[in-house]
Amino acid sequence: MAGSQRLRAVLDTSVLLSAERRSLLFLAANGAYTIVIGDYIAGAAQRFQRATRAGIRALRCISN
Protein backbone atom coordinates (compact mmCIF):
# COMPACT_ATOMS: atom_id res chain seq x y z
CA MET A 1 0.00 0.00 0.00
CA ALA A 2 1.62 3.23 -1.14
CA GLY A 3 1.40 6.47 0.85
CA SER A 4 0.54 7.02 4.45
CA GLN A 5 -1.72 4.69 6.34
CA ARG A 6 -4.67 6.05 8.28
CA LEU A 7 -5.50 4.97 11.77
CA ARG A 8 -8.63 2.87 12.05
CA ALA A 9 -10.63 2.39 15.20
CA VAL A 10 -14.09 1.41 16.31
CA LEU A 11 -15.48 3.62 19.04
CA ASP A 12 -18.27 2.58 21.33
CA THR A 13 -21.36 4.76 21.28
CA SER A 14 -20.80 5.76 24.90
CA VAL A 15 -17.68 7.77 23.99
CA LEU A 16 -19.86 10.18 22.03
CA LEU A 17 -21.76 10.89 25.24
CA SER A 18 -18.67 11.13 27.43
CA ALA A 19 -16.57 14.13 28.40
CA GLU A 20 -13.96 13.11 25.78
CA ARG A 21 -16.35 13.57 22.85
CA ARG A 22 -15.07 17.08 22.09
CA SER A 23 -11.53 15.79 21.69
CA LEU A 24 -12.71 12.94 19.50
CA LEU A 25 -14.78 15.25 17.31
CA PHE A 26 -11.89 17.76 17.14
CA LEU A 27 -9.51 15.04 15.91
CA ALA A 28 -12.05 13.88 13.32
CA ALA A 29 -12.59 17.47 12.14
CA ASN A 30 -8.83 17.83 11.67
CA GLY A 31 -8.54 14.69 9.56
CA ALA A 32 -7.05 12.31 12.12
CA TYR A 33 -9.80 9.87 11.20
CA THR A 34 -13.20 9.76 9.56
CA ILE A 35 -16.13 9.60 11.91
CA VAL A 36 -19.20 7.71 10.77
CA ILE A 37 -22.32 8.02 12.88
CA GLY A 38 -25.46 6.11 12.06
CA ASP A 39 -28.95 7.56 12.43
CA TYR A 40 -29.64 5.43 15.52
CA ILE A 41 -26.52 6.67 17.33
CA ALA A 42 -27.15 10.29 16.34
CA GLY A 43 -30.72 10.00 17.62
CA ALA A 44 -29.53 8.45 20.89
CA ALA A 45 -27.09 11.32 21.41
CA GLN A 46 -29.84 13.87 20.77
CA ARG A 47 -32.21 12.12 23.18
CA PHE A 48 -29.49 12.05 25.83
CA GLN A 49 -28.79 15.77 25.41
CA ARG A 50 -32.50 16.65 25.62
CA ALA A 51 -32.95 14.51 28.73
CA THR A 52 -29.89 16.10 30.33
CA ARG A 53 -31.17 19.62 29.60
CA ALA A 54 -34.61 18.72 30.94
CA GLY A 55 -33.03 17.31 34.08
CA ILE A 56 -31.00 20.48 34.64
CA ARG A 57 -34.11 22.62 34.17
CA ALA A 58 -36.01 20.46 36.66
CA LEU A 59 -33.21 20.78 39.20
CA ARG A 60 -33.21 24.56 38.79
CA CYS A 61 -36.97 24.66 39.45
CA ILE A 62 -36.60 22.54 42.57
CA SER A 63 -33.79 24.68 43.96
CA ASN A 64 -35.71 27.97 43.53
PDB file of N, CA and C in Angstrom:
ATOM      1  N   MET A   1       0.852  -1.180   0.000  1.00  0.00           N
ATOM      2  CA  MET A   1       0.000   0.000   0.000  1.00  0.00           C
ATOM      3  C   MET A   1       0.892   1.236   0.000  1.00  0.00           C
ATOM      4  N   ALA A   2       0.803   2.033  -1.004  1.00  0.00           N
ATOM      5  CA  ALA A   2       1.625   3.233  -1.136  1.00  0.00           C
ATOM      6  C   ALA A   2       1.031   4.383  -0.326  1.00  0.00           C
ATOM      7  N   GLY A   3       1.888   5.302   0.117  1.00  0.00           N
ATOM      8  CA  GLY A   3       1.401   6.473   0.846  1.00  0.00           C
ATOM      9  C   GLY A   3       1.253   6.201   2.330  1.00  0.00           C
ATOM     10  N   SER A   4       0.698   7.166   3.007  1.00  0.00           N
ATOM     11  CA  SER A   4       0.541   7.022   4.453  1.00  0.00           C
ATOM     12  C   SER A   4      -0.683   6.177   4.780  1.00  0.00           C
ATOM     13  N   GLN A   5      -0.588   5.495   5.892  1.00  0.00           N
ATOM     14  CA  GLN A   5      -1.716   4.690   6.337  1.00  0.00           C
ATOM     15  C   GLN A   5      -2.500   5.474   7.369  1.00  0.00           C
ATOM     16  N   ARG A   6      -3.800   5.357   7.317  1.00  0.00           N
ATOM     17  CA  ARG A   6      -4.667   6.051   8.278  1.00  0.00           C
ATOM     18  C   ARG A   6      -4.998   5.122   9.420  1.00  0.00           C
ATOM     19  N   LEU A   7      -5.106   5.700  10.577  1.00  0.00           N
ATOM     20  CA  LEU A   7      -5.497   4.974  11.768  1.00  0.00           C
ATOM     21  C   LEU A   7      -6.960   4.565  11.654  1.00  0.00           C
ATOM     22  N   ARG A   8      -7.249   3.338  12.060  1.00  0.00           N
ATOM     23  CA  ARG A   8      -8.631   2.872  12.050  1.00  0.00           C
ATOM     24  C   ARG A   8      -8.984   2.421  13.449  1.00  0.00           C
ATOM     25  N   ALA A   9     -10.172   2.780  13.871  1.00  0.00           N
ATOM     26  CA  ALA A   9     -10.627   2.386  15.200  1.00  0.00           C
ATOM     27  C   ALA A   9     -12.146   2.300  15.199  1.00  0.00           C
ATOM     28  N   VAL A  10     -12.649   1.489  16.088  1.00  0.00           N
ATOM     29  CA  VAL A  10     -14.091   1.407  16.311  1.00  0.00           C
ATOM     30  C   VAL A  10     -14.336   1.973  17.695  1.00  0.00           C
ATOM     31  N   LEU A  11     -15.181   2.980  17.766  1.00  0.00           N
ATOM     32  CA  LEU A  11     -15.483   3.625  19.042  1.00  0.00           C
ATOM     33  C   LEU A  11     -16.873   3.229  19.500  1.00  0.00           C
ATOM     34  N   ASP A  12     -16.978   2.916  20.751  1.00  0.00           N
ATOM     35  CA  ASP A  12     -18.266   2.580  21.332  1.00  0.00           C
ATOM     36  C   ASP A  12     -19.138   3.826  21.375  1.00  0.00           C
ATOM     37  N   THR A  13     -20.425   3.645  21.255  1.00  0.00           N
ATOM     38  CA  THR A  13     -21.363   4.761  21.279  1.00  0.00           C
ATOM     39  C   THR A  13     -21.204   5.625  22.522  1.00  0.00           C
ATOM     40  N   SER A  14     -20.880   5.014  23.638  1.00  0.00           N
ATOM     41  CA  SER A  14     -20.797   5.758  24.898  1.00  0.00           C
ATOM     42  C   SER A  14     -19.740   6.857  24.866  1.00  0.00           C
ATOM     43  N   VAL A  15     -18.705   6.722  24.027  1.00  0.00           N
ATOM     44  CA  VAL A  15     -17.685   7.772  23.987  1.00  0.00           C
ATOM     45  C   VAL A  15     -18.245   9.064  23.406  1.00  0.00           C
ATOM     46  N   LEU A  16     -19.272   8.970  22.587  1.00  0.00           N
ATOM     47  CA  LEU A  16     -19.862  10.179  22.027  1.00  0.00           C
ATOM     48  C   LEU A  16     -20.703  10.924  23.060  1.00  0.00           C
ATOM     49  N   LEU A  17     -21.009  10.265  24.164  1.00  0.00           N
ATOM     50  CA  LEU A  17     -21.764  10.892  25.244  1.00  0.00           C
ATOM     51  C   LEU A  17     -20.855  11.266  26.407  1.00  0.00           C
ATOM     52  N   SER A  18     -19.595  10.900  26.325  1.00  0.00           N
ATOM     53  CA  SER A  18     -18.670  11.131  27.427  1.00  0.00           C
ATOM     54  C   SER A  18     -18.022  12.514  27.340  1.00  0.00           C
ATOM     55  N   ALA A  19     -17.271  12.848  28.362  1.00  0.00           N
ATOM     56  CA  ALA A  19     -16.571  14.131  28.402  1.00  0.00           C
ATOM     57  C   ALA A  19     -15.507  14.232  27.304  1.00  0.00           C
ATOM     58  N   GLU A  20     -15.017  13.107  26.802  1.00  0.00           N
ATOM     59  CA  GLU A  20     -13.965  13.107  25.778  1.00  0.00           C
ATOM     60  C   GLU A  20     -14.493  13.345  24.375  1.00  0.00           C
ATOM     61  N   ARG A  21     -15.814  13.466  24.215  1.00  0.00           N
ATOM     62  CA  ARG A  21     -16.351  13.570  22.853  1.00  0.00           C
ATOM     63  C   ARG A  21     -15.819  14.779  22.099  1.00  0.00           C
ATOM     64  N   ARG A  22     -15.580  15.888  22.786  1.00  0.00           N
ATOM     65  CA  ARG A  22     -15.072  17.080  22.094  1.00  0.00           C
ATOM     66  C   ARG A  22     -13.707  16.818  21.486  1.00  0.00           C
ATOM     67  N   SER A  23     -12.847  16.133  22.220  1.00  0.00           N
ATOM     68  CA  SER A  23     -11.527  15.792  21.693  1.00  0.00           C
ATOM     69  C   SER A  23     -11.644  14.863  20.495  1.00  0.00           C
ATOM     70  N   LEU A  24     -12.522  13.880  20.603  1.00  0.00           N
ATOM     71  CA  LEU A  24     -12.712  12.936  19.503  1.00  0.00           C
ATOM     72  C   LEU A  24     -13.259  13.634  18.267  1.00  0.00           C
ATOM     73  N   LEU A  25     -14.216  14.515  18.447  1.00  0.00           N
ATOM     74  CA  LEU A  25     -14.782  15.253  17.314  1.00  0.00           C
ATOM     75  C   LEU A  25     -13.765  16.230  16.741  1.00  0.00           C
ATOM     76  N   PHE A  26     -12.940  16.849  17.598  1.00  0.00           N
ATOM     77  CA  PHE A  26     -11.885  17.757  17.139  1.00  0.00           C
ATOM     78  C   PHE A  26     -10.893  17.004  16.249  1.00  0.00           C
ATOM     79  N   LEU A  27     -10.456  15.830  16.698  1.00  0.00           N
ATOM     80  CA  LEU A  27      -9.505  15.036  15.909  1.00  0.00           C
ATOM     81  C   LEU A  27     -10.116  14.626  14.568  1.00  0.00           C
ATOM     82  N   ALA A  28     -11.386  14.248  14.569  1.00  0.00           N
ATOM     83  CA  ALA A  28     -12.050  13.883  13.319  1.00  0.00           C
ATOM     84  C   ALA A  28     -12.146  15.087  12.391  1.00  0.00           C
ATOM     85  N   ALA A  29     -12.470  16.259  12.954  1.00  0.00           N
ATOM     86  CA  ALA A  29     -12.589  17.471  12.138  1.00  0.00           C
ATOM     87  C   ALA A  29     -11.256  17.870  11.525  1.00  0.00           C
ATOM     88  N   ASN A  30     -10.161  17.493  12.172  1.00  0.00           N
ATOM     89  CA  ASN A  30      -8.833  17.829  11.668  1.00  0.00           C
ATOM     90  C   ASN A  30      -8.192  16.703  10.863  1.00  0.00           C
ATOM     91  N   GLY A  31      -9.000  15.725  10.477  1.00  0.00           N
ATOM     92  CA  GLY A  31      -8.537  14.695   9.560  1.00  0.00           C
ATOM     93  C   GLY A  31      -7.770  13.546  10.179  1.00  0.00           C
ATOM     94  N   ALA A  32      -7.747  13.430  11.498  1.00  0.00           N
ATOM     95  CA  ALA A  32      -7.048  12.309  12.125  1.00  0.00           C
ATOM     96  C   ALA A  32      -7.734  10.987  11.768  1.00  0.00           C
ATOM     97  N   TYR A  33      -9.025  11.027  11.624  1.00  0.00           N
ATOM     98  CA  TYR A  33      -9.801   9.865  11.197  1.00  0.00           C
ATOM     99  C   TYR A  33     -11.154  10.342  10.691  1.00  0.00           C
ATOM    100  N   THR A  34     -11.865   9.450  10.057  1.00  0.00           N
ATOM    101  CA  THR A  34     -13.202   9.760   9.564  1.00  0.00           C
ATOM    102  C   THR A  34     -14.210   9.204  10.547  1.00  0.00           C
ATOM    103  N   ILE A  35     -15.096  10.047  10.983  1.00  0.00           N
ATOM    104  CA  ILE A  35     -16.134   9.600  11.911  1.00  0.00           C
ATOM    105  C   ILE A  35     -17.390   9.281  11.112  1.00  0.00           C
ATOM    106  N   VAL A  36     -17.974   8.141  11.421  1.00  0.00           N
ATOM    107  CA  VAL A  36     -19.203   7.713  10.769  1.00  0.00           C
ATOM    108  C   VAL A  36     -20.206   7.446  11.883  1.00  0.00           C
ATOM    109  N   ILE A  37     -21.299   8.157  11.849  1.00  0.00           N
ATOM    110  CA  ILE A  37     -22.322   8.017  12.881  1.00  0.00           C
ATOM    111  C   ILE A  37     -23.632   7.652  12.203  1.00  0.00           C
ATOM    112  N   GLY A  38     -24.194   6.548  12.617  1.00  0.00           N
ATOM    113  CA  GLY A  38     -25.465   6.110  12.063  1.00  0.00           C
ATOM    114  C   GLY A  38     -26.617   6.916  12.634  1.00  0.00           C
ATOM    115  N   ASP A  39     -27.758   6.837  11.982  1.00  0.00           N
ATOM    116  CA  ASP A  39     -28.953   7.558  12.433  1.00  0.00           C
ATOM    117  C   ASP A  39     -29.358   7.173  13.848  1.00  0.00           C
ATOM    118  N   TYR A  40     -29.247   5.882  14.181  1.00  0.00           N
ATOM    119  CA  TYR A  40     -29.637   5.434  15.516  1.00  0.00           C
ATOM    120  C   TYR A  40     -28.760   6.078  16.591  1.00  0.00           C
ATOM    121  N   ILE A  41     -27.456   6.096  16.354  1.00  0.00           N
ATOM    122  CA  ILE A  41     -26.519   6.673  17.326  1.00  0.00           C
ATOM    123  C   ILE A  41     -26.726   8.179  17.432  1.00  0.00           C
ATOM    124  N   ALA A  42     -26.908   8.845  16.318  1.00  0.00           N
ATOM    125  CA  ALA A  42     -27.152  10.292  16.341  1.00  0.00           C
ATOM    126  C   ALA A  42     -28.434  10.598  17.113  1.00  0.00           C
ATOM    127  N   GLY A  43     -29.460   9.808  16.901  1.00  0.00           N
ATOM    128  CA  GLY A  43     -30.717   9.995  17.621  1.00  0.00           C
ATOM    129  C   GLY A  43     -30.550   9.753  19.114  1.00  0.00           C
ATOM    130  N   ALA A  44     -29.772   8.738  19.476  1.00  0.00           N
ATOM    131  CA  ALA A  44     -29.527   8.446  20.890  1.00  0.00           C
ATOM    132  C   ALA A  44     -28.791   9.606  21.554  1.00  0.00           C
ATOM    133  N   ALA A  45     -27.823  10.176  20.865  1.00  0.00           N
ATOM    134  CA  ALA A  45     -27.091  11.325  21.408  1.00  0.00           C
ATOM    135  C   ALA A  45     -28.019  12.521  21.603  1.00  0.00           C
ATOM    136  N   GLN A  46     -28.895  12.752  20.649  1.00  0.00           N
ATOM    137  CA  GLN A  46     -29.838  13.867  20.766  1.00  0.00           C
ATOM    138  C   GLN A  46     -30.820  13.642  21.918  1.00  0.00           C
ATOM    139  N   ARG A  47     -31.298  12.425  22.064  1.00  0.00           N
ATOM    140  CA  ARG A  47     -32.214  12.117  23.178  1.00  0.00           C
ATOM    141  C   ARG A  47     -31.509  12.300  24.519  1.00  0.00           C
ATOM    142  N   PHE A  48     -30.266  11.888  24.611  1.00  0.00           N
ATOM    143  CA  PHE A  48     -29.490  12.047  25.835  1.00  0.00           C
ATOM    144  C   PHE A  48     -29.317  13.524  26.181  1.00  0.00           C
ATOM    145  N   GLN A  49     -28.980  14.329  25.175  1.00  0.00           N
ATOM    146  CA  GLN A  49     -28.787  15.765  25.410  1.00  0.00           C
ATOM    147  C   GLN A  49     -30.085  16.431  25.845  1.00  0.00           C
ATOM    148  N   ARG A  50     -31.211  16.081  25.219  1.00  0.00           N
ATOM    149  CA  ARG A  50     -32.502  16.651  25.615  1.00  0.00           C
ATOM    150  C   ARG A  50     -32.859  16.247  27.042  1.00  0.00           C
ATOM    151  N   ALA A  51     -32.631  14.990  27.374  1.00  0.00           N
ATOM    152  CA  ALA A  51     -32.946  14.514  28.726  1.00  0.00           C
ATOM    153  C   ALA A  51     -32.062  15.210  29.756  1.00  0.00           C
ATOM    154  N   THR A  52     -30.805  15.426  29.414  1.00  0.00           N
ATOM    155  CA  THR A  52     -29.889  16.105  30.329  1.00  0.00           C
ATOM    156  C   THR A  52     -30.336  17.542  30.551  1.00  0.00           C
ATOM    157  N   ARG A  53     -30.692  18.237  29.478  1.00  0.00           N
ATOM    158  CA  ARG A  53     -31.169  19.615  29.603  1.00  0.00           C
ATOM    159  C   ARG A  53     -32.450  19.677  30.429  1.00  0.00           C
ATOM    160  N   ALA A  54     -33.354  18.756  30.187  1.00  0.00           N
ATOM    161  CA  ALA A  54     -34.611  18.724  30.938  1.00  0.00           C
ATOM    162  C   ALA A  54     -34.337  18.468  32.418  1.00  0.00           C
ATOM    163  N   GLY A  55     -33.392  17.591  32.706  1.00  0.00           N
ATOM    164  CA  GLY A  55     -33.027  17.308  34.084  1.00  0.00           C
ATOM    165  C   GLY A  55     -32.436  18.514  34.774  1.00  0.00           C
ATOM    166  N   ILE A  56     -31.607  19.268  34.074  1.00  0.00           N
ATOM    167  CA  ILE A  56     -30.998  20.478  34.640  1.00  0.00           C
ATOM    168  C   ILE A  56     -32.072  21.515  34.908  1.00  0.00           C
ATOM    169  N   ARG A  57     -33.013  21.675  33.964  1.00  0.00           N
ATOM    170  CA  ARG A  57     -34.107  22.624  34.174  1.00  0.00           C
ATOM    171  C   ARG A  57     -34.950  22.224  35.390  1.00  0.00           C
ATOM    172  N   ALA A  58     -35.212  20.931  35.525  1.00  0.00           N
ATOM    173  CA  ALA A  58     -36.006  20.457  36.662  1.00  0.00           C
ATOM    174  C   ALA A  58     -35.282  20.725  37.971  1.00  0.00           C
ATOM    175  N   LEU A  59     -33.975  20.513  37.987  1.00  0.00           N
ATOM    176  CA  LEU A  59     -33.209  20.778  39.200  1.00  0.00           C
ATOM    177  C   LEU A  59     -33.219  22.264  39.555  1.00  0.00           C
ATOM    178  N   ARG A  60     -33.166  23.124  38.548  1.00  0.00           N
ATOM    179  CA  ARG A  60     -33.215  24.559  38.793  1.00  0.00           C
ATOM    180  C   ARG A  60     -34.553  24.948  39.403  1.00  0.00           C
ATOM    181  N   CYS A  61     -35.641  24.353  38.912  1.00  0.00           N
ATOM    182  CA  CYS A  61     -36.974  24.657  39.453  1.00  0.00           C
ATOM    183  C   CYS A  61     -37.090  24.213  40.892  1.00  0.00           C
ATOM    184  N   ILE A  62     -36.536  23.073  41.207  1.00  0.00           N
ATOM    185  CA  ILE A  62     -36.603  22.539  42.571  1.00  0.00           C
ATOM    186  C   ILE A  62     -35.810  23.417  43.531  1.00  0.00           C
ATOM    187  N   SER A  63     -34.651  23.910  43.069  1.00  0.00           N
ATOM    188  CA  SER A  63     -33.785  24.678  43.961  1.00  0.00           C
ATOM    189  C   SER A  63     -34.280  26.110  44.182  1.00  0.00           C
ATOM    190  N   ASN A  64     -35.202  26.590  43.355  1.00  0.00           N
ATOM    191  CA  ASN A  64     -35.713  27.966  43.526  1.00  0.00           C
ATOM    192  C   ASN A  64     -36.822  28.053  44.498  1.00  0.00           C
TER     193      ASN A  64
END
